[in-house]
Amino acid sequence: QVQLVESGGGLVQPGGSLRLSCAASGSIISINAMGWYRQAPGKQRELVAAITSGGSTNYVDSVKGRFTISRDNAKNTVYLQMNSLKPEDTAVYYCNADFVIFGRVWGQGTLVTVSS
């Protein structure tokens, strides 16, 4: 079994920053792509950013230039640095990883609220 545990969410004012972390644990052989998704109230879950095992990244247009995804393969951890946060970034953020053998696994989610 493998699991993902997210941390770092919370309440932040517009223009502020947060850093999300997602640590994988369990019987890990290898992890392919890792990513962050978000789901705002009444909306579908969307991909925010993803990173391959080799470090290639992609972002949804709305966060380009503000968010940065990175990963530490030695720690099986993926990060999302979020700067210049806007109220429309408010959502539950979910970590996702594609594990060798186990396939895609989701974290439990962490709430990010951007409000003054």
C-alpha atoms as a PDB file:
ATOM      1  CA  GLN A   1       0.000   0.000   0.000  1.00  0.00           C
ATOM      2  CA  VAL A   2       0.996   3.617  -0.576  1.00  0.00           C
ATOM      3  CA  GLN A   3      -0.456   6.880   0.601  1.00  0.00           C
ATOM      4  CA  LEU A   4      -0.129  10.611   0.149  1.00  0.00           C
ATOM      5  CA  VAL A   5      -0.340  13.129   2.970  1.00  0.00           C
ATOM      6  CA  GLU A   6      -0.739  16.817   2.182  1.00  0.00           C
ATOM      7  CA  SER A   7       0.058  19.762   4.418  1.00  0.00           C
ATOM      8  CA  GLY A   8       0.412  23.525   4.222  1.00  0.00           C
ATOM      9  CA  GLY A   9      -3.082  24.742   3.496  1.00  0.00           C
ATOM     10  CA  GLY A  10      -4.766  27.533   5.404  1.00  0.00           C
ATOM     11  CA  LEU A  11      -6.134  31.054   5.292  1.00  0.00           C
ATOM     12  CA  VAL A  12      -4.134  33.735   3.516  1.00  0.00           C
ATOM     13  CA  GLN A  13      -4.860  37.272   2.384  1.00  0.00           C
ATOM     14  CA  PRO A  14      -4.971  38.178  -1.311  1.00  0.00           C
ATOM     15  CA  GLY A  15      -1.449  38.688  -2.586  1.00  0.00           C
ATOM     16  CA  GLY A  16      -0.026  36.335  -0.002  1.00  0.00           C
ATOM     17  CA  SER A  17       1.844  33.052  -0.366  1.00  0.00           C
ATOM     18  CA  LEU A  18       1.491  29.469   0.763  1.00  0.00           C
ATOM     19  CA  ARG A  19       3.551  26.355   0.215  1.00  0.00           C
ATOM     20  CA  LEU A  20       1.826  22.997  -0.015  1.00  0.00           C
ATOM     21  CA  SER A  21       3.659  19.742   0.569  1.00  0.00           C
ATOM     22  CA  CYS A  22       2.657  16.192  -0.268  1.00  0.00           C
ATOM     23  CA  ALA A  23       4.659  13.296   1.063  1.00  0.00           C
ATOM     24  CA  ALA A  24       4.305   9.768  -0.269  1.00  0.00           C
ATOM     25  CA  SER A  25       4.854   6.775   1.973  1.00  0.00           C
ATOM     26  CA  GLY A  26       4.435   3.023   1.958  1.00  0.00           C
ATOM     27  CA  SER A  27       5.767   0.330  -0.332  1.00  0.00           C
ATOM     28  CA  ILE A  28       7.108   2.737  -2.932  1.00  0.00           C
ATOM     29  CA  ILE A  29       9.033   1.313  -5.849  1.00  0.00           C
ATOM     30  CA  SER A  30       8.987   4.383  -8.037  1.00  0.00           C
ATOM     31  CA  ILE A  31       6.754   7.369  -8.758  1.00  0.00           C
ATOM     32  CA  ASN A  32       6.091   8.655 -12.233  1.00  0.00           C
ATOM     33  CA  ALA A  33       4.235  11.944 -12.558  1.00  0.00           C
ATOM     34  CA  MET A  34       3.035  13.874  -9.524  1.00  0.00           C
ATOM     35  CA  GLY A  35       0.586  16.713  -9.540  1.00  0.00           C
ATOM     36  CA  TRP A  36      -1.709  19.085  -7.747  1.00  0.00           C
ATOM     37  CA  TYR A  37      -5.405  19.419  -8.489  1.00  0.00           C
ATOM     38  CA  ARG A  38      -7.974  21.709  -6.939  1.00  0.00           C
ATOM     39  CA  GLN A  39     -11.710  21.766  -6.559  1.00  0.00           C
ATOM     40  CA  ALA A  40     -13.607  24.924  -5.713  1.00  0.00           C
ATOM     41  CA  PRO A  41     -17.189  24.810  -4.397  1.00  0.00           C
ATOM     42  CA  GLY A  42     -19.601  23.999  -7.196  1.00  0.00           C
ATOM     43  CA  LYS A  43     -16.835  23.395  -9.716  1.00  0.00           C
ATOM     44  CA  GLN A  44     -15.135  20.382 -11.208  1.00  0.00           C
ATOM     45  CA  ARG A  45     -11.723  19.281 -10.049  1.00  0.00           C
ATOM     46  CA  GLU A  46      -9.008  20.715 -12.282  1.00  0.00           C
ATOM     47  CA  LEU A  47      -5.325  20.066 -12.778  1.00  0.00           C
ATOM     48  CA  VAL A  48      -3.266  22.939 -11.404  1.00  0.00           C
ATOM     49  CA  ALA A  49       0.268  21.730 -12.019  1.00  0.00           C
ATOM     50  CA  ALA A  50       2.119  18.510 -12.755  1.00  0.00           C
ATOM     51  CA  ILE A  51       5.721  17.365 -12.771  1.00  0.00           C
ATOM     52  CA  THR A  52       7.302  14.274 -14.287  1.00  0.00           C
ATOM     53  CA  SER A  53       9.961  12.162 -12.631  1.00  0.00           C
ATOM     54  CA  GLY A  54      12.487  13.964 -14.810  1.00  0.00           C
ATOM     55  CA  GLY A  55      11.322  17.394 -13.699  1.00  0.00           C
ATOM     56  CA  SER A  56       9.267  18.554 -16.675  1.00  0.00           C
ATOM     57  CA  THR A  57       6.360  20.713 -15.561  1.00  0.00           C
ATOM     58  CA  ASN A  58       3.077  22.033 -16.853  1.00  0.00           C
ATOM     59  CA  TYR A  59       0.555  24.457 -15.391  1.00  0.00           C
ATOM     60  CA  VAL A  60      -2.990  25.561 -15.938  1.00  0.00           C
ATOM     61  CA  ASP A  61      -2.967  28.998 -17.560  1.00  0.00           C
ATOM     62  CA  SER A  62      -4.558  30.723 -14.565  1.00  0.00           C
ATOM     63  CA  VAL A  63      -1.576  29.999 -12.290  1.00  0.00           C
ATOM     64  CA  LYS A  64       1.325  30.416 -14.688  1.00  0.00           C
ATOM     65  CA  GLY A  65       3.872  32.849 -13.299  1.00  0.00           C
ATOM     66  CA  ARG A  66       2.418  32.604  -9.780  1.00  0.00           C
ATOM     67  CA  PHE A  67       2.677  28.921  -8.807  1.00  0.00           C
ATOM     68  CA  THR A  68       5.713  26.657  -8.945  1.00  0.00           C
ATOM     69  CA  ILE A  69       5.644  22.884  -8.645  1.00  0.00           C
ATOM     70  CA  SER A  70       8.747  20.978  -7.581  1.00  0.00           C
ATOM     71  CA  ARG A  71       9.618  17.570  -6.205  1.00  0.00           C
ATOM     72  CA  ASP A  72      12.263  15.899  -4.094  1.00  0.00           C
ATOM     73  CA  ASN A  73      12.582  12.353  -5.401  1.00  0.00           C
ATOM     74  CA  ALA A  74      14.766  11.292  -2.491  1.00  0.00           C
ATOM     75  CA  LYS A  75      11.975  12.271  -0.091  1.00  0.00           C
ATOM     76  CA  ASN A  76       9.103  11.182  -2.368  1.00  0.00           C
ATOM     77  CA  THR A  77       7.615  14.620  -1.849  1.00  0.00           C
ATOM     78  CA  VAL A  78       6.035  17.151  -4.184  1.00  0.00           C
ATOM     79  CA  TYR A  79       5.586  20.832  -3.395  1.00  0.00           C
ATOM     80  CA  LEU A  80       3.440  23.651  -4.695  1.00  0.00           C
ATOM     81  CA  GLN A  81       4.680  27.160  -4.012  1.00  0.00           C
ATOM     82  CA  MET A  82       1.784  29.554  -4.463  1.00  0.00           C
ATOM     83  CA  ASN A  83       2.492  33.280  -4.707  1.00  0.00           C
ATOM     84  CA  SER A  84       0.305  36.287  -5.458  1.00  0.00           C
ATOM     85  CA  LEU A  85      -2.736  34.336  -4.342  1.00  0.00           C
ATOM     86  CA  LYS A  86      -6.157  35.478  -5.470  1.00  0.00           C
ATOM     87  CA  PRO A  87      -9.617  34.812  -4.015  1.00  0.00           C
ATOM     88  CA  GLU A  88     -10.337  32.620  -7.043  1.00  0.00           C
ATOM     89  CA  ASP A  89      -7.540  30.293  -5.927  1.00  0.00           C
ATOM     90  CA  THR A  90      -9.700  29.283  -2.973  1.00  0.00           C
ATOM     91  CA  ALA A  91     -10.292  25.539  -3.186  1.00  0.00           C
ATOM     92  CA  VAL A  92      -9.454  22.172  -1.736  1.00  0.00           C
ATOM     93  CA  TYR A  93      -6.082  21.184  -3.176  1.00  0.00           C
ATOM     94  CA  TYR A  94      -5.410  17.518  -3.816  1.00  0.00           C
ATOM     95  CA  CYS A  95      -2.122  15.800  -4.435  1.00  0.00           C
ATOM     96  CA  ASN A  96      -1.981  12.999  -6.996  1.00  0.00           C
ATOM     97  CA  ALA A  97       0.828  10.599  -7.824  1.00  0.00           C
ATOM     98  CA  ASP A  98       1.256   7.812 -10.341  1.00  0.00           C
ATOM     99  CA  PHE A  99       2.958   4.962  -8.527  1.00  0.00           C
ATOM    100  CA  VAL A 100       4.617   2.037 -10.241  1.00  0.00           C
ATOM    101  CA  ILE A 101       2.479  -1.059  -9.460  1.00  0.00           C
ATOM    102  CA  PHE A 102      -0.193   0.835  -7.484  1.00  0.00           C
ATOM    103  CA  GLY A 103      -1.239   3.321 -10.151  1.00  0.00           C
ATOM    104  CA  ARG A 104      -2.719   6.735  -9.413  1.00  0.00           C
ATOM    105  CA  VAL A 105      -3.358   7.608  -5.799  1.00  0.00           C
ATOM    106  CA  TRP A 106      -5.002  10.713  -4.299  1.00  0.00           C
ATOM    107  CA  GLY A 107      -4.271  12.548  -1.105  1.00  0.00           C
ATOM    108  CA  GLN A 108      -7.015  13.579   1.293  1.00  0.00           C
ATOM    109  CA  GLY A 109      -6.937  17.238   0.279  1.00  0.00           C
ATOM    110  CA  THR A 110      -6.000  20.453   2.030  1.00  0.00           C
ATOM    111  CA  LEU A 111      -8.112  23.606   2.084  1.00  0.00           C
ATOM    112  CA  VAL A 112      -6.683  26.872   0.814  1.00  0.00           C
ATOM    113  CA  THR A 113      -8.754  29.978   1.508  1.00  0.00           C
ATOM    114  CA  VAL A 114      -7.738  33.328   0.065  1.00  0.00           C
ATOM    115  CA  SER A 115      -9.680  36.101   1.733  1.00  0.00           C
ATOM    116  CA  SER A 116      -9.227  39.418   3.451  1.00  0.00           C
END
